Amino acid sequence: MIPFKNYFILGSVAILFLAGCGAVFVNKGSKDEPLMDGLRNPADMVAKVIVPADQKNVGDFEDGSKNLNTKLYGGNGGTWNAFAYAGNTINDPYIVSGGANGTKMAVHIFGTLTNKGDGQYPAFTLQCKLKQSGAYDASMFQGIRFYYKCPSSDKALTRRFSVPIAATLPTSNGGTCSDGCYNHFGADLSVTGDWAQKTYAFGDLKRGSGWGSPVTPPDFTDHLKELITIEWNHNAQNTAGSYDIDYWVDEVEFF
């Protein structure tokens, strides 16, 4: 058995050793307790990147170009695209005059969507590909906002803003999903009449319930380094008929 005095000596030596390594000993509740911040995990104390406003801008369309803002933080050659399928065609040009807040230009998607009810789920989609290739890291941001206008003339049965990630896109589209794909994180949209700003913290974006392969972890905030595109989608689900589509998007930015 080690004598008590030896325990005391060994403890004192250990304290001296730790002190020599820069350790700070503080009694909880004392006036010096704030010094405990120096003992926390350094990874928890790293300051978030401060991104200038012009580098948060994804696209404002003012130059009429289909290229993303060339100053977008972490961006690399991203582009805008608008498309339809199953025999439908999108209007082109779709970057036109009449932007939000008195700006010059915006995206306007319109036309007649024909749905045959044959399981093809046609849609009129505006898509922002955030990088020329690979996934985009949005972890330095808190969310995304944009201006959206949807007059009552739009008869889509479903209007949705979504942010596809690798886990919800099939491999043919640059993702990792092999079954039950396309259930992206996002939010439903509605008729606005005039321009309205839509603001979504990343934690607000959810997947549709009842379908799609599981995503692990299940929250969007766990996948902020895996963004592939940003999309606006107006469709009629699988209901046969003809539907007038009419919506606008402008001033897209992270915050």
Protein backbone atom coordinates (compact mmCIF):
# COMPACT_ATOMS: atom_id res chain seq x y z
CA MET A 1 0.00 0.00 0.00
CA ILE A 2 1.31 3.46 -0.94
CA PRO A 3 1.55 5.73 2.11
CA PHE A 4 -0.75 8.79 2.15
CA LYS A 5 2.17 11.19 1.97
CA ASN A 6 3.27 9.51 -1.26
CA TYR A 7 -0.20 10.06 -2.78
CA PHE A 8 0.14 13.72 -1.88
CA ILE A 9 3.59 13.95 -3.48
CA LEU A 10 2.45 12.18 -6.67
CA GLY A 11 -0.62 14.44 -6.95
CA SER A 12 1.47 17.55 -6.49
CA VAL A 13 3.90 16.45 -9.19
CA ALA A 14 0.98 15.78 -11.59
CA ILE A 15 -0.47 19.24 -10.95
CA LEU A 16 2.91 20.88 -11.50
CA PHE A 17 3.33 18.92 -14.73
CA LEU A 18 -0.06 19.96 -16.05
CA ALA A 19 0.50 23.57 -15.06
CA GLY A 20 3.76 23.49 -16.98
CA CYS A 21 1.78 22.34 -20.02
CA GLY A 22 -0.47 25.39 -19.84
CA ALA A 23 -3.43 23.84 -17.99
CA VAL A 24 -5.60 26.19 -15.93
CA PHE A 25 -7.31 25.00 -12.75
CA VAL A 26 -10.46 26.90 -11.78
CA ASN A 27 -13.00 26.22 -9.07
CA LYS A 28 -16.54 26.03 -10.49
CA GLY A 29 -18.54 29.03 -9.29
CA SER A 30 -15.48 31.18 -8.59
CA LYS A 31 -14.89 34.61 -10.13
CA ASP A 32 -12.32 32.98 -12.39
CA GLU A 33 -14.75 30.42 -13.85
CA PRO A 34 -14.78 32.17 -17.29
CA LEU A 35 -11.18 30.99 -17.62
CA MET A 36 -12.61 27.52 -18.17
CA ASP A 37 -13.31 28.61 -21.74
CA GLY A 38 -9.64 28.01 -22.33
CA LEU A 39 -10.09 24.34 -21.48
CA ARG A 40 -12.86 23.62 -24.00
CA ASN A 41 -12.39 21.68 -27.18
CA PRO A 42 -10.52 24.00 -29.58
CA ALA A 43 -12.73 22.75 -32.44
CA ASP A 44 -15.77 24.23 -30.64
CA MET A 45 -14.10 27.62 -30.43
CA VAL A 46 -13.24 28.10 -34.11
CA ALA A 47 -14.91 31.26 -35.41
CA LYS A 48 -17.34 30.83 -38.28
CA VAL A 49 -16.24 32.21 -41.62
CA ILE A 50 -17.49 35.76 -42.13
CA VAL A 51 -18.71 35.84 -45.73
CA PRO A 52 -19.07 39.25 -47.44
CA ALA A 53 -22.54 40.06 -48.78
CA ASP A 54 -21.52 39.85 -52.43
CA GLN A 55 -20.25 36.30 -51.85
CA LYS A 56 -23.58 35.13 -50.38
CA ASN A 57 -25.40 36.03 -53.59
CA VAL A 58 -26.23 32.93 -55.63
CA GLY A 59 -27.87 34.82 -58.47
CA ASP A 60 -29.70 38.08 -59.18
CA PHE A 61 -29.86 37.65 -62.99
CA GLU A 62 -29.00 41.32 -63.59
CA ASP A 63 -26.51 40.50 -66.34
CA GLY A 64 -28.97 38.20 -68.13
CA SER A 65 -26.48 35.33 -67.84
CA LYS A 66 -27.26 31.71 -66.97
CA ASN A 67 -24.05 31.60 -64.92
CA LEU A 68 -24.18 31.80 -61.13
CA ASN A 69 -22.61 34.75 -59.35
CA THR A 70 -18.90 34.29 -60.04
CA LYS A 71 -18.11 35.61 -56.53
CA LEU A 72 -20.27 33.02 -54.72
CA TYR A 73 -18.30 31.73 -51.74
CA GLY A 74 -17.05 28.22 -52.54
CA GLY A 75 -18.66 28.27 -55.96
CA ASN A 76 -17.03 26.98 -59.11
CA GLY A 77 -18.70 27.45 -62.47
CA GLY A 78 -22.32 26.84 -61.42
CA THR A 79 -25.18 27.48 -63.84
CA TRP A 80 -28.94 28.10 -64.05
CA ASN A 81 -31.14 25.81 -66.08
CA ALA A 82 -34.89 25.51 -66.72
CA PHE A 83 -36.45 22.35 -68.10
CA ALA A 84 -39.50 20.15 -68.49
CA TYR A 85 -39.96 16.58 -69.74
CA ALA A 86 -42.57 13.99 -70.81
CA GLY A 87 -43.30 15.95 -73.99
CA ASN A 88 -43.39 19.38 -72.34
CA THR A 89 -41.11 22.29 -73.18
CA ILE A 90 -40.10 25.30 -71.09
CA ASN A 91 -40.16 28.90 -72.28
CA ASP A 92 -36.82 30.30 -73.47
CA PRO A 93 -35.49 32.87 -72.79
CA TYR A 94 -36.55 32.55 -69.18
CA ILE A 95 -34.30 35.33 -67.80
CA VAL A 96 -36.36 38.42 -68.57
CA SER A 97 -36.95 42.00 -67.47
CA GLY A 98 -39.05 42.82 -64.41
CA GLY A 99 -37.07 41.85 -61.29
CA ALA A 100 -38.01 42.11 -57.62
CA ASN A 101 -37.47 45.36 -55.69
CA GLY A 102 -37.16 47.41 -58.87
CA THR A 103 -34.24 45.35 -60.22
CA LYS A 104 -33.89 44.83 -63.94
CA MET A 105 -34.02 41.06 -64.44
CA ALA A 106 -35.52 37.88 -62.99
CA VAL A 107 -36.46 34.34 -64.00
CA HIS A 108 -39.98 33.83 -65.34
CA ILE A 109 -41.23 30.28 -65.95
CA PHE A 110 -44.56 29.90 -67.73
CA GLY A 111 -46.51 27.78 -70.17
CA THR A 112 -48.96 24.89 -70.30
CA LEU A 113 -48.01 21.67 -68.55
CA THR A 114 -49.57 18.52 -69.97
CA ASN A 115 -49.81 15.59 -67.57
CA LYS A 116 -50.96 12.25 -68.97
CA GLY A 117 -51.33 10.59 -65.57
CA ASP A 118 -48.95 7.85 -66.68
CA GLY A 119 -46.51 8.00 -63.77
CA GLN A 120 -43.99 10.33 -65.42
CA TYR A 121 -44.74 13.30 -63.09
CA PRO A 122 -43.83 16.09 -65.54
CA ALA A 123 -42.91 19.46 -64.05
CA PHE A 124 -41.66 22.94 -64.95
CA THR A 125 -38.39 23.22 -63.04
CA LEU A 126 -35.90 26.01 -62.43
CA GLN A 127 -32.61 24.53 -61.28
CA CYS A 128 -29.46 26.11 -59.90
CA LYS A 129 -26.42 23.85 -60.16
CA LEU A 130 -24.16 25.21 -57.41
CA LYS A 131 -20.84 23.86 -58.77
CA GLN A 132 -19.65 22.67 -62.14
CA SER A 133 -19.02 19.29 -60.55
CA GLY A 134 -19.23 17.77 -57.09
CA ALA A 135 -21.10 18.93 -54.00
CA TYR A 136 -21.31 22.44 -52.59
CA ASP A 137 -20.42 23.17 -48.95
CA ALA A 138 -23.00 25.53 -47.39
CA SER A 139 -22.00 24.86 -43.79
CA MET A 140 -20.81 28.45 -43.26
CA PHE A 141 -24.37 29.72 -43.83
CA GLN A 142 -27.56 29.55 -41.75
CA GLY A 143 -30.13 29.36 -44.52
CA ILE A 144 -31.33 30.61 -47.88
CA ARG A 145 -33.76 33.27 -49.10
CA PHE A 146 -35.15 34.45 -52.40
CA TYR A 147 -37.95 36.49 -53.95
CA TYR A 148 -40.82 34.51 -55.45
CA LYS A 149 -43.91 35.59 -57.37
CA CYS A 150 -46.74 33.28 -58.26
CA PRO A 151 -49.94 34.85 -59.62
CA SER A 152 -53.34 33.19 -59.31
CA SER A 153 -53.08 32.21 -62.99
CA ASP A 154 -50.71 29.42 -61.91
CA LYS A 155 -52.72 26.21 -61.61
CA ALA A 156 -50.01 23.81 -60.45
CA LEU A 157 -51.22 21.26 -57.91
CA THR A 158 -47.82 21.22 -56.21
CA ARG A 159 -45.34 24.09 -55.90
CA ARG A 160 -42.11 23.29 -54.13
CA PHE A 161 -38.72 24.78 -53.35
CA SER A 162 -36.11 22.10 -52.65
CA VAL A 163 -32.39 21.54 -52.11
CA PRO A 164 -31.29 18.19 -53.54
CA ILE A 165 -28.31 16.58 -51.82
CA ALA A 166 -26.22 13.57 -52.77
CA ALA A 167 -28.34 11.21 -50.64
CA THR A 168 -31.61 12.13 -52.41
CA LEU A 169 -30.32 12.17 -55.98
CA PRO A 170 -29.64 9.03 -58.06
CA THR A 171 -26.10 8.28 -59.14
CA SER A 172 -27.00 9.27 -62.72
CA ASN A 173 -27.54 12.83 -61.43
CA GLY A 174 -24.38 13.00 -59.33
CA GLY A 175 -25.87 11.59 -56.14
CA THR A 176 -25.61 8.40 -54.11
CA CYS A 177 -29.27 7.30 -54.00
CA SER A 178 -30.09 3.94 -55.58
CA ASP A 179 -33.82 3.59 -54.78
CA GLY A 180 -36.67 5.87 -53.64
CA CYS A 181 -34.86 8.97 -54.88
CA TYR A 182 -36.00 12.59 -55.39
CA ASN A 183 -37.59 13.14 -51.98
CA HIS A 184 -35.52 16.26 -51.38
CA PHE A 185 -35.41 18.55 -48.36
CA GLY A 186 -37.49 21.63 -49.06
CA ALA A 187 -40.68 23.59 -48.46
CA ASP A 188 -44.03 23.95 -50.22
CA LEU A 189 -44.85 27.25 -51.92
CA SER A 190 -48.18 28.95 -52.57
CA VAL A 191 -49.72 31.70 -54.70
CA THR A 192 -48.32 35.11 -53.70
CA GLY A 193 -49.79 37.56 -56.19
CA ASP A 194 -46.91 40.04 -56.10
CA TRP A 195 -43.26 39.51 -55.18
CA ALA A 196 -42.71 38.02 -51.72
CA GLN A 197 -39.44 37.19 -50.01
CA LYS A 198 -39.17 33.60 -48.81
CA THR A 199 -36.66 32.93 -46.03
CA TYR A 200 -35.74 29.44 -44.82
CA ALA A 201 -33.28 28.51 -42.10
CA PHE A 202 -31.70 25.21 -43.06
CA GLY A 203 -33.43 23.53 -40.13
CA ASP A 204 -36.81 24.49 -41.63
CA LEU A 205 -36.31 22.37 -44.75
CA LYS A 206 -38.02 18.99 -44.53
CA ARG A 207 -38.60 15.95 -46.74
CA GLY A 208 -42.02 14.78 -47.86
CA SER A 209 -43.58 12.20 -45.55
CA GLY A 210 -44.40 8.62 -46.45
CA TRP A 211 -42.03 7.97 -49.32
CA GLY A 212 -38.38 7.93 -50.36
CA SER A 213 -35.35 6.11 -49.04
CA PRO A 214 -34.19 7.07 -45.53
CA VAL A 215 -31.45 9.69 -45.20
CA THR A 216 -29.01 9.21 -42.32
CA PRO A 217 -28.75 11.35 -40.23
CA PRO A 218 -32.33 12.50 -40.95
CA ASP A 219 -31.93 16.30 -40.58
CA PHE A 220 -30.89 18.60 -43.40
CA THR A 221 -28.45 20.43 -41.13
CA ASP A 222 -26.35 17.24 -41.05
CA HIS A 223 -25.86 17.39 -44.83
CA LEU A 224 -24.84 20.98 -45.49
CA LYS A 225 -21.63 19.92 -47.23
CA GLU A 226 -23.54 17.78 -49.74
CA LEU A 227 -25.64 20.29 -51.71
CA ILE A 228 -25.91 19.53 -55.42
CA THR A 229 -28.59 21.91 -56.70
CA ILE A 230 -31.36 24.32 -55.66
CA GLU A 231 -34.70 23.84 -57.40
CA TRP A 232 -38.16 25.37 -57.86
CA ASN A 233 -40.69 22.86 -59.18
CA HIS A 234 -44.31 23.30 -60.26
CA ASN A 235 -46.20 20.12 -61.19
CA ALA A 236 -49.52 18.30 -61.10
CA GLN A 237 -48.37 15.13 -59.36
CA ASN A 238 -49.85 12.25 -61.43
CA THR A 239 -53.19 13.89 -62.21
CA ALA A 240 -53.99 13.92 -65.92
CA GLY A 241 -54.86 17.26 -67.48
CA SER A 242 -53.47 20.56 -68.75
CA TYR A 243 -52.23 23.14 -66.24
CA ASP A 244 -51.16 26.75 -66.72
CA ILE A 245 -47.80 27.34 -65.01
CA ASP A 246 -46.61 30.84 -64.10
CA TYR A 247 -43.95 31.74 -61.52
CA TRP A 248 -40.99 34.07 -61.01
CA VAL A 249 -37.75 33.80 -58.99
CA ASP A 250 -35.18 36.50 -58.18
CA GLU A 251 -32.48 37.64 -55.71
CA VAL A 252 -31.37 34.21 -54.50
CA GLU A 253 -28.85 34.29 -51.65
CA PHE A 254 -27.53 32.44 -48.61
CA PHE A 255 -27.51 34.09 -45.18
